[in-house]
Structures are given as C-alpha cells and as structure tokens.
Amino acid sequence: VHRDAGAGAIDVTVSGDPLKSLNEVTVDRLSAETMYDTNTLEDPQRI
C-alpha cells in the first residue's frame, strides 16, 4: 500500500525464501490518478 500522497511512484523490491520457488507472481494493481477520483454512473470502471 502506497501511503504517502506527497511522493510519486515507488519501485519496491521484494525478496525472501518464500519467493525462491516461484518464477513469476501475478500483480493485481488498484490505483487512481488522484486521491479524489471516483467511479460514477457514467464511468463505472474508471478505477
């Protein structure tokens, strides 16, 4: 979770033994361009 609205994108490097048996991971990303954008009746899949 990105908690700091005062910062831009953060490149996160994750490592550890639980990952060593994997070749890839699935990445599900929920993000918005602004802190106030919403989904609406007219644009229900905006976020």
All heavy atoms as atom14 arrays in JSON, in Angstrom:
{
  "sequence": "VHRDAGAGAIDVTVSGDPLKSLNEVTVDRLSAETMYDTNTLEDPQRI",
  "atom14_mask": [
    [1, 1, 1, 1, 1, 1, 1, 0, 0, 0, 0, 0, 0, 0],
    [1, 1, 1, 1, 1, 1, 1, 1, 1, 1, 0, 0, 0, 0],
    [1, 1, 1, 1, 1, 1, 1, 1, 1, 1, 1, 0, 0, 0],
    [1, 1, 1, 1, 1, 1, 1, 1, 0, 0, 0, 0, 0, 0],
    [1, 1, 1, 1, 1, 0, 0, 0, 0, 0, 0, 0, 0, 0],
    [1, 1, 1, 1, 0, 0, 0, 0, 0, 0, 0, 0, 0, 0],
    [1, 1, 1, 1, 1, 0, 0, 0, 0, 0, 0, 0, 0, 0],
    [1, 1, 1, 1, 0, 0, 0, 0, 0, 0, 0, 0, 0, 0],
    [1, 1, 1, 1, 1, 0, 0, 0, 0, 0, 0, 0, 0, 0],
    [1, 1, 1, 1, 1, 1, 1, 1, 0, 0, 0, 0, 0, 0],
    [1, 1, 1, 1, 1, 1, 1, 1, 0, 0, 0, 0, 0, 0],
    [1, 1, 1, 1, 1, 1, 1, 0, 0, 0, 0, 0, 0, 0],
    [1, 1, 1, 1, 1, 1, 1, 0, 0, 0, 0, 0, 0, 0],
    [1, 1, 1, 1, 1, 1, 1, 0, 0, 0, 0, 0, 0, 0],
    [1, 1, 1, 1, 1, 1, 0, 0, 0, 0, 0, 0, 0, 0],
    [1, 1, 1, 1, 0, 0, 0, 0, 0, 0, 0, 0, 0, 0],
    [1, 1, 1, 1, 1, 1, 1, 1, 0, 0, 0, 0, 0, 0],
    [1, 1, 1, 1, 1, 1, 1, 0, 0, 0, 0, 0, 0, 0],
    [1, 1, 1, 1, 1, 1, 1, 1, 0, 0, 0, 0, 0, 0],
    [1, 1, 1, 1, 1, 1, 1, 1, 1, 0, 0, 0, 0, 0],
    [1, 1, 1, 1, 1, 1, 0, 0, 0, 0, 0, 0, 0, 0],
    [1, 1, 1, 1, 1, 1, 1, 1, 0, 0, 0, 0, 0, 0],
    [1, 1, 1, 1, 1, 1, 1, 1, 0, 0, 0, 0, 0, 0],
    [1, 1, 1, 1, 1, 1, 1, 1, 1, 0, 0, 0, 0, 0],
    [1, 1, 1, 1, 1, 1, 1, 0, 0, 0, 0, 0, 0, 0],
    [1, 1, 1, 1, 1, 1, 1, 0, 0, 0, 0, 0, 0, 0],
    [1, 1, 1, 1, 1, 1, 1, 0, 0, 0, 0, 0, 0, 0],
    [1, 1, 1, 1, 1, 1, 1, 1, 0, 0, 0, 0, 0, 0],
    [1, 1, 1, 1, 1, 1, 1, 1, 1, 1, 1, 0, 0, 0],
    [1, 1, 1, 1, 1, 1, 1, 1, 0, 0, 0, 0, 0, 0],
    [1, 1, 1, 1, 1, 1, 0, 0, 0, 0, 0, 0, 0, 0],
    [1, 1, 1, 1, 1, 0, 0, 0, 0, 0, 0, 0, 0, 0],
    [1, 1, 1, 1, 1, 1, 1, 1, 1, 0, 0, 0, 0, 0],
    [1, 1, 1, 1, 1, 1, 1, 0, 0, 0, 0, 0, 0, 0],
    [1, 1, 1, 1, 1, 1, 1, 1, 0, 0, 0, 0, 0, 0],
    [1, 1, 1, 1, 1, 1, 1, 1, 1, 1, 1, 1, 0, 0],
    [1, 1, 1, 1, 1, 1, 1, 1, 0, 0, 0, 0, 0, 0],
    [1, 1, 1, 1, 1, 1, 1, 0, 0, 0, 0, 0, 0, 0],
    [1, 1, 1, 1, 1, 1, 1, 1, 0, 0, 0, 0, 0, 0],
    [1, 1, 1, 1, 1, 1, 1, 0, 0, 0, 0, 0, 0, 0],
    [1, 1, 1, 1, 1, 1, 1, 1, 0, 0, 0, 0, 0, 0],
    [1, 1, 1, 1, 1, 1, 1, 1, 1, 0, 0, 0, 0, 0],
    [1, 1, 1, 1, 1, 1, 1, 1, 0, 0, 0, 0, 0, 0],
    [1, 1, 1, 1, 1, 1, 1, 0, 0, 0, 0, 0, 0, 0],
    [1, 1, 1, 1, 1, 1, 1, 1, 1, 0, 0, 0, 0, 0],
    [1, 1, 1, 1, 1, 1, 1, 1, 1, 1, 1, 0, 0, 0],
    [1, 1, 1, 1, 1, 1, 1, 1, 0, 0, 0, 0, 0, 0]
  ],
  "atom14_positions": [
    [[0.85, -1.19, 0.0], [0.0, 0.0, 0.0], [0.88, 1.24, 0.0], [1.78, 1.37, 0.84], [-0.93, 0.04, 1.23], [-1.87, 1.24, 1.14], [-1.73, -1.26, 1.36], [0.0, 0.0, 0.0], [0.0, 0.0, 0.0], [0.0, 0.0, 0.0], [0.0, 0.0, 0.0], [0.0, 0.0, 0.0], [0.0, 0.0, 0.0], [0.0, 0.0, 0.0]],
    [[0.62, 2.15, -0.94], [1.32, 3.45, -1.01], [0.56, 4.42, -0.11], [-0.57, 4.8, -0.39], [1.34, 3.94, -2.45], [2.3, 5.07, -2.71], [2.37, 6.19, -1.92], [3.24, 5.23, -3.7], [3.3, 7.0, -2.39], [3.84, 6.44, -3.47], [0.0, 0.0, 0.0], [0.0, 0.0, 0.0], [0.0, 0.0, 0.0], [0.0, 0.0, 0.0]],
    [[1.22, 4.88, 0.96], [0.53, 5.68, 1.98], [0.83, 7.17, 1.91], [0.2, 7.94, 2.65], [0.93, 5.18, 3.38], [0.63, 3.71, 3.62], [1.27, 3.23, 4.91], [0.64, 3.77, 6.1], [1.2, 3.79, 7.3], [2.42, 3.31, 7.46], [0.55, 4.28, 8.32], [0.0, 0.0, 0.0], [0.0, 0.0, 0.0], [0.0, 0.0, 0.0]],
    [[1.78, 7.59, 1.1], [2.24, 8.98, 1.14], [1.8, 9.73, -0.1], [2.34, 9.54, -1.19], [3.77, 9.01, 1.27], [4.32, 10.43, 1.37], [3.52, 11.36, 1.56], [5.55, 10.59, 1.27], [0.0, 0.0, 0.0], [0.0, 0.0, 0.0], [0.0, 0.0, 0.0], [0.0, 0.0, 0.0], [0.0, 0.0, 0.0], [0.0, 0.0, 0.0]],
    [[0.82, 10.61, 0.06], [0.34, 11.4, -1.07], [1.35, 12.43, -1.53], [1.2, 13.02, -2.6], [-0.97, 12.09, -0.69], [0.0, 0.0, 0.0], [0.0, 0.0, 0.0], [0.0, 0.0, 0.0], [0.0, 0.0, 0.0], [0.0, 0.0, 0.0], [0.0, 0.0, 0.0], [0.0, 0.0, 0.0], [0.0, 0.0, 0.0], [0.0, 0.0, 0.0]],
    [[2.39, 12.66, -0.74], [3.4, 13.64, -1.12], [4.52, 13.06, -1.95], [5.46, 13.77, -2.32], [0.0, 0.0, 0.0], [0.0, 0.0, 0.0], [0.0, 0.0, 0.0], [0.0, 0.0, 0.0], [0.0, 0.0, 0.0], [0.0, 0.0, 0.0], [0.0, 0.0, 0.0], [0.0, 0.0, 0.0], [0.0, 0.0, 0.0], [0.0, 0.0, 0.0]],
    [[4.45, 11.76, -2.26], [5.51, 11.1, -3.02], [4.95, 10.54, -4.32], [3.75, 10.29, -4.44], [6.15, 9.99, -2.2], [0.0, 0.0, 0.0], [0.0, 0.0, 0.0], [0.0, 0.0, 0.0], [0.0, 0.0, 0.0], [0.0, 0.0, 0.0], [0.0, 0.0, 0.0], [0.0, 0.0, 0.0], [0.0, 0.0, 0.0], [0.0, 0.0, 0.0]],
    [[5.85, 10.33, -5.28], [5.47, 9.72, -6.54], [5.53, 8.21, -6.46], [5.48, 7.61, -5.37], [0.0, 0.0, 0.0], [0.0, 0.0, 0.0], [0.0, 0.0, 0.0], [0.0, 0.0, 0.0], [0.0, 0.0, 0.0], [0.0, 0.0, 0.0], [0.0, 0.0, 0.0], [0.0, 0.0, 0.0], [0.0, 0.0, 0.0], [0.0, 0.0, 0.0]],
    [[5.66, 7.58, -7.63], [5.73, 6.12, -7.68], [6.97, 5.62, -6.95], [8.03, 6.27, -6.95], [5.73, 5.65, -9.13], [0.0, 0.0, 0.0], [0.0, 0.0, 0.0], [0.0, 0.0, 0.0], [0.0, 0.0, 0.0], [0.0, 0.0, 0.0], [0.0, 0.0, 0.0], [0.0, 0.0, 0.0], [0.0, 0.0, 0.0], [0.0, 0.0, 0.0]],
    [[6.83, 4.46, -6.33], [7.93, 3.85, -5.58], [8.23, 2.5, -6.19], [7.34, 1.65, -6.32], [7.56, 3.68, -4.09], [7.19, 5.03, -3.46], [8.71, 3.04, -3.32], [6.65, 4.93, -2.04], [0.0, 0.0, 0.0], [0.0, 0.0, 0.0], [0.0, 0.0, 0.0], [0.0, 0.0, 0.0], [0.0, 0.0, 0.0], [0.0, 0.0, 0.0]],
    [[9.48, 2.27, -6.58], [9.91, 0.96, -7.05], [10.23, 0.11, -5.82], [11.13, 0.43, -5.04], [11.15, 1.07, -7.94], [10.84, 1.73, -9.27], [9.7, 1.59, -9.74], [11.74, 2.38, -9.84], [0.0, 0.0, 0.0], [0.0, 0.0, 0.0], [0.0, 0.0, 0.0], [0.0, 0.0, 0.0], [0.0, 0.0, 0.0], [0.0, 0.0, 0.0]],
    [[9.46, -0.97, -5.66], [9.58, -1.81, -4.48], [10.22, -3.14, -4.88], [9.71, -3.84, -5.76], [8.21, -2.07, -3.83], [8.37, -2.91, -2.56], [7.51, -0.75, -3.51], [0.0, 0.0, 0.0], [0.0, 0.0, 0.0], [0.0, 0.0, 0.0], [0.0, 0.0, 0.0], [0.0, 0.0, 0.0], [0.0, 0.0, 0.0], [0.0, 0.0, 0.0]],
    [[11.31, -3.49, -4.23], [11.98, -4.76, -4.43], [11.62, -5.68, -3.28], [11.87, -5.37, -2.12], [13.5, -4.58, -4.51], [13.83, -3.69, -5.57], [14.19, -5.92, -4.74], [0.0, 0.0, 0.0], [0.0, 0.0, 0.0], [0.0, 0.0, 0.0], [0.0, 0.0, 0.0], [0.0, 0.0, 0.0], [0.0, 0.0, 0.0], [0.0, 0.0, 0.0]],
    [[11.01, -6.82, -3.62], [10.57, -7.8, -2.61], [11.41, -9.05, -2.77], [11.58, -9.56, -3.89], [9.08, -8.15, -2.78], [8.61, -9.06, -1.65], [8.23, -6.88, -2.82], [0.0, 0.0, 0.0], [0.0, 0.0, 0.0], [0.0, 0.0, 0.0], [0.0, 0.0, 0.0], [0.0, 0.0, 0.0], [0.0, 0.0, 0.0], [0.0, 0.0, 0.0]],
    [[11.93, -9.57, -1.66], [12.77, -10.76, -1.72], [12.55, -11.61, -0.48], [11.96, -11.17, 0.5], [14.25, -10.36, -1.84], [14.65, -9.63, -0.69], [0.0, 0.0, 0.0], [0.0, 0.0, 0.0], [0.0, 0.0, 0.0], [0.0, 0.0, 0.0], [0.0, 0.0, 0.0], [0.0, 0.0, 0.0], [0.0, 0.0, 0.0], [0.0, 0.0, 0.0]],
    [[13.04, -12.85, -0.54], [12.94, -13.74, 0.61], [12.69, -15.17, 0.19], [12.29, -15.46, -0.95], [0.0, 0.0, 0.0], [0.0, 0.0, 0.0], [0.0, 0.0, 0.0], [0.0, 0.0, 0.0], [0.0, 0.0, 0.0], [0.0, 0.0, 0.0], [0.0, 0.0, 0.0], [0.0, 0.0, 0.0], [0.0, 0.0, 0.0], [0.0, 0.0, 0.0]],
    [[12.92, -16.08, 1.12], [12.81, -17.51, 0.84], [11.45, -17.92, 0.27], [11.39, -18.79, -0.61], [13.09, -18.31, 2.11], [14.58, -18.31, 2.47], [15.38, -17.92, 1.61], [14.91, -18.71, 3.6], [0.0, 0.0, 0.0], [0.0, 0.0, 0.0], [0.0, 0.0, 0.0], [0.0, 0.0, 0.0], [0.0, 0.0, 0.0], [0.0, 0.0, 0.0]],
    [[10.33, -17.37, 0.75], [9.04, -17.82, 0.19], [8.9, -17.59, -1.3], [8.05, -18.22, -1.94], [8.02, -16.98, 0.98], [8.69, -16.67, 2.27], [10.13, -16.46, 1.9], [0.0, 0.0, 0.0], [0.0, 0.0, 0.0], [0.0, 0.0, 0.0], [0.0, 0.0, 0.0], [0.0, 0.0, 0.0], [0.0, 0.0, 0.0], [0.0, 0.0, 0.0]],
    [[9.73, -16.7, -1.88], [9.64, -16.42, -3.31], [10.56, -17.3, -4.15], [10.44, -17.32, -5.38], [9.97, -14.95, -3.58], [8.98, -13.9, -3.06], [9.56, -12.5, -3.22], [7.66, -14.01, -3.82], [0.0, 0.0, 0.0], [0.0, 0.0, 0.0], [0.0, 0.0, 0.0], [0.0, 0.0, 0.0], [0.0, 0.0, 0.0], [0.0, 0.0, 0.0]],
    [[11.47, -18.04, -3.51], [12.51, -18.71, -4.27], [11.98, -19.86, -5.13], [12.63, -20.25, -6.11], [13.6, -19.21, -3.33], [14.47, -18.07, -2.8], [15.64, -18.57, -1.97], [16.53, -17.41, -1.54], [17.66, -17.86, -0.69], [0.0, 0.0, 0.0], [0.0, 0.0, 0.0], [0.0, 0.0, 0.0], [0.0, 0.0, 0.0], [0.0, 0.0, 0.0]],
    [[10.84, -20.39, -4.76], [10.28, -21.49, -5.57], [9.41, -20.99, -6.72], [8.84, -21.79, -7.45], [9.46, -22.42, -4.68], [8.37, -21.71, -4.12], [0.0, 0.0, 0.0], [0.0, 0.0, 0.0], [0.0, 0.0, 0.0], [0.0, 0.0, 0.0], [0.0, 0.0, 0.0], [0.0, 0.0, 0.0], [0.0, 0.0, 0.0], [0.0, 0.0, 0.0]],
    [[9.32, -19.66, -6.89], [8.46, -19.08, -7.91], [9.27, -18.52, -9.06], [10.36, -17.97, -8.87], [7.6, -17.97, -7.31], [6.75, -18.31, -6.08], [5.98, -17.08, -5.62], [5.8, -19.45, -6.37], [0.0, 0.0, 0.0], [0.0, 0.0, 0.0], [0.0, 0.0, 0.0], [0.0, 0.0, 0.0], [0.0, 0.0, 0.0], [0.0, 0.0, 0.0]],
    [[8.7, -18.62, -10.26], [9.3, -17.99, -11.43], [8.66, -16.64, -11.74], [9.29, -15.78, -12.36], [9.17, -18.9, -12.65], [9.97, -20.17, -12.5], [11.09, -20.14, -12.0], [9.39, -21.3, -12.91], [0.0, 0.0, 0.0], [0.0, 0.0, 0.0], [0.0, 0.0, 0.0], [0.0, 0.0, 0.0], [0.0, 0.0, 0.0], [0.0, 0.0, 0.0]],
    [[7.4, -16.5, -11.33], [6.72, -15.24, -11.52], [5.59, -15.11, -10.51], [5.18, -16.08, -9.88], [6.16, -15.1, -12.94], [5.03, -16.04, -13.27], [4.42, -15.78, -14.65], [5.07, -15.1, -15.47], [3.29, -16.23, -14.89], [0.0, 0.0, 0.0], [0.0, 0.0, 0.0], [0.0, 0.0, 0.0], [0.0, 0.0, 0.0], [0.0, 0.0, 0.0]],
    [[5.13, -13.88, -10.35], [3.97, -13.61, -9.5], [2.94, -12.85, -10.32], [3.28, -12.13, -11.26], [4.35, -12.8, -8.24], [5.21, -13.61, -7.29], [5.01, -11.48, -8.61], [0.0, 0.0, 0.0], [0.0, 0.0, 0.0], [0.0, 0.0, 0.0], [0.0, 0.0, 0.0], [0.0, 0.0, 0.0], [0.0, 0.0, 0.0], [0.0, 0.0, 0.0]],
    [[1.68, -13.02, -9.94], [0.61, -12.23, -10.52], [0.51, -10.91, -9.75], [0.55, -10.9, -8.52], [-0.73, -12.97, -10.44], [-0.61, -14.19, -11.18], [-1.86, -12.14, -11.02], [0.0, 0.0, 0.0], [0.0, 0.0, 0.0], [0.0, 0.0, 0.0], [0.0, 0.0, 0.0], [0.0, 0.0, 0.0], [0.0, 0.0, 0.0], [0.0, 0.0, 0.0]],
    [[0.39, -9.83, -10.48], [0.32, -8.5, -9.88], [-1.05, -7.9, -10.16], [-1.39, -7.6, -11.32], [1.42, -7.55, -10.42], [1.34, -6.2, -9.73], [2.8, -8.18, -10.25], [0.0, 0.0, 0.0], [0.0, 0.0, 0.0], [0.0, 0.0, 0.0], [0.0, 0.0, 0.0], [0.0, 0.0, 0.0], [0.0, 0.0, 0.0], [0.0, 0.0, 0.0]],
    [[-1.86, -7.76, -9.12], [-3.15, -7.06, -9.22], [-2.96, -5.66, -8.65], [-2.58, -5.51, -7.48], [-4.23, -7.81, -8.44], [-4.49, -9.19, -9.01], [-4.91, -9.26, -10.18], [-4.29, -10.18, -8.29], [0.0, 0.0, 0.0], [0.0, 0.0, 0.0], [0.0, 0.0, 0.0], [0.0, 0.0, 0.0], [0.0, 0.0, 0.0], [0.0, 0.0, 0.0]],
    [[-3.22, -4.66, -9.46], [-2.92, -3.27, -9.09], [-4.19, -2.43, -9.12], [-4.86, -2.35, -10.13], [-1.87, -2.7, -10.03], [-1.46, -1.26, -9.74], [-0.43, -0.75, -10.74], [0.9, -1.32, -10.5], [1.47, -2.27, -11.24], [0.8, -2.77, -12.28], [2.67, -2.71, -10.96], [0.0, 0.0, 0.0], [0.0, 0.0, 0.0], [0.0, 0.0, 0.0]],
    [[-4.5, -1.81, -7.98], [-5.61, -0.87, -7.89], [-5.03, 0.5, -7.61], [-4.42, 0.73, -6.56], [-6.56, -1.27, -6.75], [-7.75, -0.32, -6.49], [-8.73, -0.37, -7.66], [-8.46, -0.68, -5.19], [0.0, 0.0, 0.0], [0.0, 0.0, 0.0], [0.0, 0.0, 0.0], [0.0, 0.0, 0.0], [0.0, 0.0, 0.0], [0.0, 0.0, 0.0]],
    [[-5.2, 1.42, -8.55], [-4.62, 2.75, -8.37], [-5.49, 3.79, -9.05], [-6.33, 3.47, -9.89], [-3.2, 2.81, -8.93], [-3.2, 2.58, -10.33], [0.0, 0.0, 0.0], [0.0, 0.0, 0.0], [0.0, 0.0, 0.0], [0.0, 0.0, 0.0], [0.0, 0.0, 0.0], [0.0, 0.0, 0.0], [0.0, 0.0, 0.0], [0.0, 0.0, 0.0]],
    [[-5.26, 5.03, -8.69], [-6.01, 6.16, -9.27], [-5.04, 7.29, -9.55], [-3.98, 7.4, -8.93], [-7.11, 6.61, -8.32], [0.0, 0.0, 0.0], [0.0, 0.0, 0.0], [0.0, 0.0, 0.0], [0.0, 0.0, 0.0], [0.0, 0.0, 0.0], [0.0, 0.0, 0.0], [0.0, 0.0, 0.0], [0.0, 0.0, 0.0], [0.0, 0.0, 0.0]],
    [[-5.42, 8.15, -10.47], [-4.57, 9.28, -10.8], [-4.55, 10.32, -9.69], [-3.56, 11.02, -9.5], [-5.01, 9.92, -12.12], [-4.81, 9.01, -13.34], [-5.18, 9.72, -14.63], [-5.53, 10.92, -14.57], [-5.12, 9.07, -15.69], [0.0, 0.0, 0.0], [0.0, 0.0, 0.0], [0.0, 0.0, 0.0], [0.0, 0.0, 0.0], [0.0, 0.0, 0.0]],
    [[-5.68, 10.44, -8.97], [-5.75, 11.4, -7.88], [-6.37, 10.72, -6.67], [-6.96, 9.65, -6.76], [-6.61, 12.63, -8.24], [-8.0, 12.24, -8.25], [-6.25, 13.2, -9.6], [0.0, 0.0, 0.0], [0.0, 0.0, 0.0], [0.0, 0.0, 0.0], [0.0, 0.0, 0.0], [0.0, 0.0, 0.0], [0.0, 0.0, 0.0], [0.0, 0.0, 0.0]],
    [[-6.27, 11.37, -5.53], [-6.84, 10.82, -4.31], [-8.36, 10.96, -4.27], [-9.01, 10.35, -3.43], [-6.25, 11.53, -3.09], [-6.62, 13.0, -2.96], [-5.94, 13.78, -1.48], [-4.21, 13.91, -1.9], [0.0, 0.0, 0.0], [0.0, 0.0, 0.0], [0.0, 0.0, 0.0], [0.0, 0.0, 0.0], [0.0, 0.0, 0.0], [0.0, 0.0, 0.0]],
    [[-8.93, 11.75, -5.19], [-10.36, 12.03, -5.13], [-11.16, 11.44, -6.3], [-12.38, 11.53, -6.32], [-10.61, 13.53, -5.07], [-9.95, 14.32, -6.18], [-10.54, 14.43, -7.44], [-8.75, 14.98, -5.96], [-9.93, 15.15, -8.45], [-8.13, 15.71, -6.97], [-8.72, 15.79, -8.2], [-8.12, 16.5, -9.21], [0.0, 0.0, 0.0], [0.0, 0.0, 0.0]],
    [[-10.51, 10.83, -7.27], [-11.24, 10.25, -8.39], [-12.19, 9.16, -7.89], [-11.89, 8.41, -6.96], [-10.27, 9.64, -9.4], [-9.63, 10.68, -10.28], [-10.17, 11.8, -10.36], [-8.59, 10.39, -10.9], [0.0, 0.0, 0.0], [0.0, 0.0, 0.0], [0.0, 0.0, 0.0], [0.0, 0.0, 0.0], [0.0, 0.0, 0.0], [0.0, 0.0, 0.0]],
    [[-13.35, 9.06, -8.55], [-14.36, 8.07, -8.17], [-14.89, 7.37, -9.41], [-14.76, 7.86, -10.53], [-15.54, 8.72, -7.43], [-16.2, 9.64, -8.32], [-15.09, 9.46, -6.18], [0.0, 0.0, 0.0], [0.0, 0.0, 0.0], [0.0, 0.0, 0.0], [0.0, 0.0, 0.0], [0.0, 0.0, 0.0], [0.0, 0.0, 0.0], [0.0, 0.0, 0.0]],
    [[-15.52, 6.24, -9.19], [-16.32, 5.61, -10.23], [-17.72, 6.21, -10.18], [-18.23, 6.53, -9.1], [-16.38, 4.1, -10.01], [-15.04, 3.44, -10.22], [-14.19, 3.94, -10.96], [-14.82, 2.31, -9.56], [0.0, 0.0, 0.0], [0.0, 0.0, 0.0], [0.0, 0.0, 0.0], [0.0, 0.0, 0.0], [0.0, 0.0, 0.0], [0.0, 0.0, 0.0]],
    [[-18.34, 6.35, -11.33], [-19.63, 7.02, -11.42], [-20.59, 6.22, -12.29], [-20.19, 5.27, -12.97], [-19.48, 8.43, -12.02], [-19.01, 8.31, -13.37], [-18.51, 9.28, -11.21], [0.0, 0.0, 0.0], [0.0, 0.0, 0.0], [0.0, 0.0, 0.0], [0.0, 0.0, 0.0], [0.0, 0.0, 0.0], [0.0, 0.0, 0.0], [0.0, 0.0, 0.0]],
    [[-21.83, 6.63, -12.3], [-22.84, 6.02, -13.16], [-22.4, 6.1, -14.62], [-22.57, 5.15, -15.39], [-24.18, 6.72, -12.96], [-25.34, 6.31, -13.85], [-25.72, 4.86, -13.6], [-26.54, 7.23, -13.61], [0.0, 0.0, 0.0], [0.0, 0.0, 0.0], [0.0, 0.0, 0.0], [0.0, 0.0, 0.0], [0.0, 0.0, 0.0], [0.0, 0.0, 0.0]],
    [[-21.83, 7.23, -15.0], [-21.42, 7.43, -16.38], [-20.09, 6.73, -16.7], [-19.84, 6.35, -17.84], [-21.29, 8.92, -16.69], [-22.59, 9.7, -16.63], [-23.06, 9.98, -15.2], [-22.21, 9.88, -14.28], [-24.25, 10.26, -15.02], [0.0, 0.0, 0.0], [0.0, 0.0, 0.0], [0.0, 0.0, 0.0], [0.0, 0.0, 0.0], [0.0, 0.0, 0.0]],
    [[-19.23, 6.56, -15.69], [-17.91, 5.96, -15.89], [-17.64, 4.98, -14.76], [-16.82, 5.23, -13.88], [-16.85, 7.06, -15.94], [-15.5, 6.55, -16.42], [-15.4, 5.34, -16.73], [-14.54, 7.35, -16.47], [0.0, 0.0, 0.0], [0.0, 0.0, 0.0], [0.0, 0.0, 0.0], [0.0, 0.0, 0.0], [0.0, 0.0, 0.0], [0.0, 0.0, 0.0]],
    [[-18.33, 3.84, -14.75], [-18.27, 2.94, -13.59], [-16.96, 2.18, -13.45], [-16.7, 1.6, -12.4], [-19.43, 1.97, -13.84], [-19.62, 1.99, -15.32], [-19.3, 3.38, -15.76], [0.0, 0.0, 0.0], [0.0, 0.0, 0.0], [0.0, 0.0, 0.0], [0.0, 0.0, 0.0], [0.0, 0.0, 0.0], [0.0, 0.0, 0.0], [0.0, 0.0, 0.0]],
    [[-16.13, 2.15, -14.49], [-14.87, 1.4, -14.43], [-13.65, 2.32, -14.46], [-12.55, 1.88, -14.79], [-14.8, 0.42, -15.61], [-15.75, -0.75, -15.48], [-15.3, -1.72, -14.39], [-14.15, -2.15, -14.35], [-16.21, -2.05, -13.49], [0.0, 0.0, 0.0], [0.0, 0.0, 0.0], [0.0, 0.0, 0.0], [0.0, 0.0, 0.0], [0.0, 0.0, 0.0]],
    [[-13.85, 3.56, -14.07], [-12.73, 4.5, -14.1], [-11.57, 4.01, -13.24], [-10.4, 4.12, -13.62], [-13.2, 5.87, -13.63], [-12.14, 6.96, -13.71], [-12.71, 8.3, -13.3], [-11.78, 9.38, -13.55], [-12.03, 10.65, -13.25], [-13.2, 10.99, -12.72], [-11.14, 11.58, -13.52], [0.0, 0.0, 0.0], [0.0, 0.0, 0.0], [0.0, 0.0, 0.0]],
    [[-11.89, 3.49, -12.06], [-10.87, 2.96, -11.16], [-11.2, 1.49, -10.93], [-12.19, 1.16, -10.27], [-10.83, 3.71, -9.82], [-10.6, 5.2, -10.06], [-9.76, 3.14, -8.9], [-10.82, 6.05, -8.83], [0.0, 0.0, 0.0], [0.0, 0.0, 0.0], [0.0, 0.0, 0.0], [0.0, 0.0, 0.0], [0.0, 0.0, 0.0], [0.0, 0.0, 0.0]]
  ]
}
